[in-house]
Amino acid sequence: MRRIERALGDGSQFGAQIRYSSEVSALETAGGIAFALSLLGEEPFAVVNGDVYCDYAFEQLPALAEQMKTNSGQRPSGN
């Protein structure tokens, strides 16, 4: 098991749900997301690269996702 998976587990201790997708060979960002699509379901999700520092208030994401779904003038079904 990798260090990140050992440290974060399934995310429940942080109020999150974390699912891991292991790549046999590096797929880069878009390839990795495409490979993991079957794990994502229909709910909004966030992709955070692990090799960049990000000082963002992630607790704001659910409200932002809801706003994008309900306030989309361009796509009635959401963004």
C-alpha atoms as a PDB file:
ATOM      1  CA  MET A   1       0.000   0.000   0.000  1.00  0.00           C
ATOM      2  CA  ARG A   2       1.331   3.433  -0.871  1.00  0.00           C
ATOM      3  CA  ARG A   3       2.087   6.082   1.739  1.00  0.00           C
ATOM      4  CA  ILE A   4      -0.778   8.373   0.751  1.00  0.00           C
ATOM      5  CA  GLU A   5      -3.274   5.523   0.870  1.00  0.00           C
ATOM      6  CA  ARG A   6      -1.960   4.452   4.292  1.00  0.00           C
ATOM      7  CA  ALA A   7      -2.153   8.012   5.626  1.00  0.00           C
ATOM      8  CA  LEU A   8      -5.569   8.962   4.195  1.00  0.00           C
ATOM      9  CA  GLY A   9      -7.345   5.613   3.983  1.00  0.00           C
ATOM     10  CA  ASP A  10     -10.864   5.937   2.644  1.00  0.00           C
ATOM     11  CA  GLY A  11     -11.071   9.577   3.753  1.00  0.00           C
ATOM     12  CA  SER A  12     -13.831   8.996   6.316  1.00  0.00           C
ATOM     13  CA  GLN A  13     -11.717  10.404   9.144  1.00  0.00           C
ATOM     14  CA  PHE A  14     -11.739  13.712   7.236  1.00  0.00           C
ATOM     15  CA  GLY A  15     -15.407  13.662   6.250  1.00  0.00           C
ATOM     16  CA  ALA A  16     -14.493  12.724   2.683  1.00  0.00           C
ATOM     17  CA  GLN A  17     -14.748   9.698   0.423  1.00  0.00           C
ATOM     18  CA  ILE A  18     -11.465   8.761  -1.243  1.00  0.00           C
ATOM     19  CA  ARG A  19     -11.205   6.102  -3.926  1.00  0.00           C
ATOM     20  CA  TYR A  20      -7.885   5.147  -5.475  1.00  0.00           C
ATOM     21  CA  SER A  21      -7.172   4.216  -9.063  1.00  0.00           C
ATOM     22  CA  SER A  22      -3.834   2.505  -9.629  1.00  0.00           C
ATOM     23  CA  GLU A  23      -2.143   2.927 -12.997  1.00  0.00           C
ATOM     24  CA  VAL A  24       0.104   0.231 -14.436  1.00  0.00           C
ATOM     25  CA  SER A  25       1.967   2.913 -16.375  1.00  0.00           C
ATOM     26  CA  ALA A  26       1.806   6.704 -16.031  1.00  0.00           C
ATOM     27  CA  LEU A  27      -1.246   8.055 -17.870  1.00  0.00           C
ATOM     28  CA  GLU A  28      -0.691  11.755 -17.111  1.00  0.00           C
ATOM     29  CA  THR A  29      -3.525  13.861 -15.698  1.00  0.00           C
ATOM     30  CA  ALA A  30      -6.240  13.473 -18.361  1.00  0.00           C
ATOM     31  CA  GLY A  31      -5.464   9.791 -18.927  1.00  0.00           C
ATOM     32  CA  GLY A  32      -5.595   9.083 -15.205  1.00  0.00           C
ATOM     33  CA  ILE A  33      -8.979  10.782 -14.865  1.00  0.00           C
ATOM     34  CA  ALA A  34     -10.352   8.945 -17.896  1.00  0.00           C
ATOM     35  CA  PHE A  35      -9.059   5.654 -16.454  1.00  0.00           C
ATOM     36  CA  ALA A  36     -10.832   6.339 -13.138  1.00  0.00           C
ATOM     37  CA  LEU A  37     -14.184   7.500 -14.567  1.00  0.00           C
ATOM     38  CA  SER A  38     -15.890   4.262 -13.566  1.00  0.00           C
ATOM     39  CA  LEU A  39     -15.120   5.092  -9.903  1.00  0.00           C
ATOM     40  CA  LEU A  40     -16.608   8.578 -10.010  1.00  0.00           C
ATOM     41  CA  GLY A  41     -20.343   8.064 -10.469  1.00  0.00           C
ATOM     42  CA  GLU A  42     -22.737  10.909 -11.206  1.00  0.00           C
ATOM     43  CA  GLU A  43     -21.938  13.276  -8.327  1.00  0.00           C
ATOM     44  CA  PRO A  44     -19.586  16.265  -8.691  1.00  0.00           C
ATOM     45  CA  PHE A  45     -15.972  15.456  -7.892  1.00  0.00           C
ATOM     46  CA  ALA A  46     -12.711  17.287  -7.392  1.00  0.00           C
ATOM     47  CA  VAL A  47      -9.372  16.407  -8.933  1.00  0.00           C
ATOM     48  CA  VAL A  48      -6.347  17.611  -7.006  1.00  0.00           C
ATOM     49  CA  ASN A  49      -2.887  16.899  -8.311  1.00  0.00           C
ATOM     50  CA  GLY A  50      -0.557  15.599  -5.638  1.00  0.00           C
ATOM     51  CA  ASP A  51       2.563  17.270  -6.958  1.00  0.00           C
ATOM     52  CA  VAL A  52       1.399  20.864  -6.504  1.00  0.00           C
ATOM     53  CA  TYR A  53       0.943  22.939  -3.365  1.00  0.00           C
ATOM     54  CA  CYS A  54      -2.625  24.138  -3.093  1.00  0.00           C
ATOM     55  CA  ASP A  55      -3.843  26.458  -0.360  1.00  0.00           C
ATOM     56  CA  TYR A  56      -7.554  26.323  -1.103  1.00  0.00           C
ATOM     57  CA  ALA A  57     -10.533  26.064   1.240  1.00  0.00           C
ATOM     58  CA  PHE A  58     -11.811  22.747  -0.102  1.00  0.00           C
ATOM     59  CA  GLU A  59     -14.816  22.884   2.218  1.00  0.00           C
ATOM     60  CA  GLN A  60     -16.210  25.453  -0.250  1.00  0.00           C
ATOM     61  CA  LEU A  61     -16.351  22.947  -3.110  1.00  0.00           C
ATOM     62  CA  PRO A  62     -19.809  21.434  -2.422  1.00  0.00           C
ATOM     63  CA  ALA A  63     -21.462  24.865  -2.488  1.00  0.00           C
ATOM     64  CA  LEU A  64     -19.542  25.809  -5.635  1.00  0.00           C
ATOM     65  CA  ALA A  65     -20.572  22.576  -7.357  1.00  0.00           C
ATOM     66  CA  GLU A  66     -24.216  23.214  -6.459  1.00  0.00           C
ATOM     67  CA  GLN A  67     -23.982  26.779  -7.758  1.00  0.00           C
ATOM     68  CA  MET A  68     -22.517  25.538 -11.048  1.00  0.00           C
ATOM     69  CA  LYS A  69     -25.359  23.028 -11.438  1.00  0.00           C
ATOM     70  CA  THR A  70     -28.160  25.470 -10.714  1.00  0.00           C
ATOM     71  CA  ASN A  71     -26.805  28.674 -12.293  1.00  0.00           C
ATOM     72  CA  SER A  72     -25.705  27.370 -15.638  1.00  0.00           C
ATOM     73  CA  GLY A  73     -27.254  29.535 -18.332  1.00  0.00           C
ATOM     74  CA  GLN A  74     -25.268  27.813 -21.054  1.00  0.00           C
ATOM     75  CA  ARG A  75     -26.071  24.225 -20.188  1.00  0.00           C
ATOM     76  CA  PRO A  76     -29.391  23.570 -18.441  1.00  0.00           C
ATOM     77  CA  SER A  77     -28.132  20.192 -17.179  1.00  0.00           C
ATOM     78  CA  GLY A  78     -25.135  21.845 -15.466  1.00  0.00           C
ATOM     79  CA  ASN A  79     -21.441  22.359 -16.115  1.00  0.00           C
END
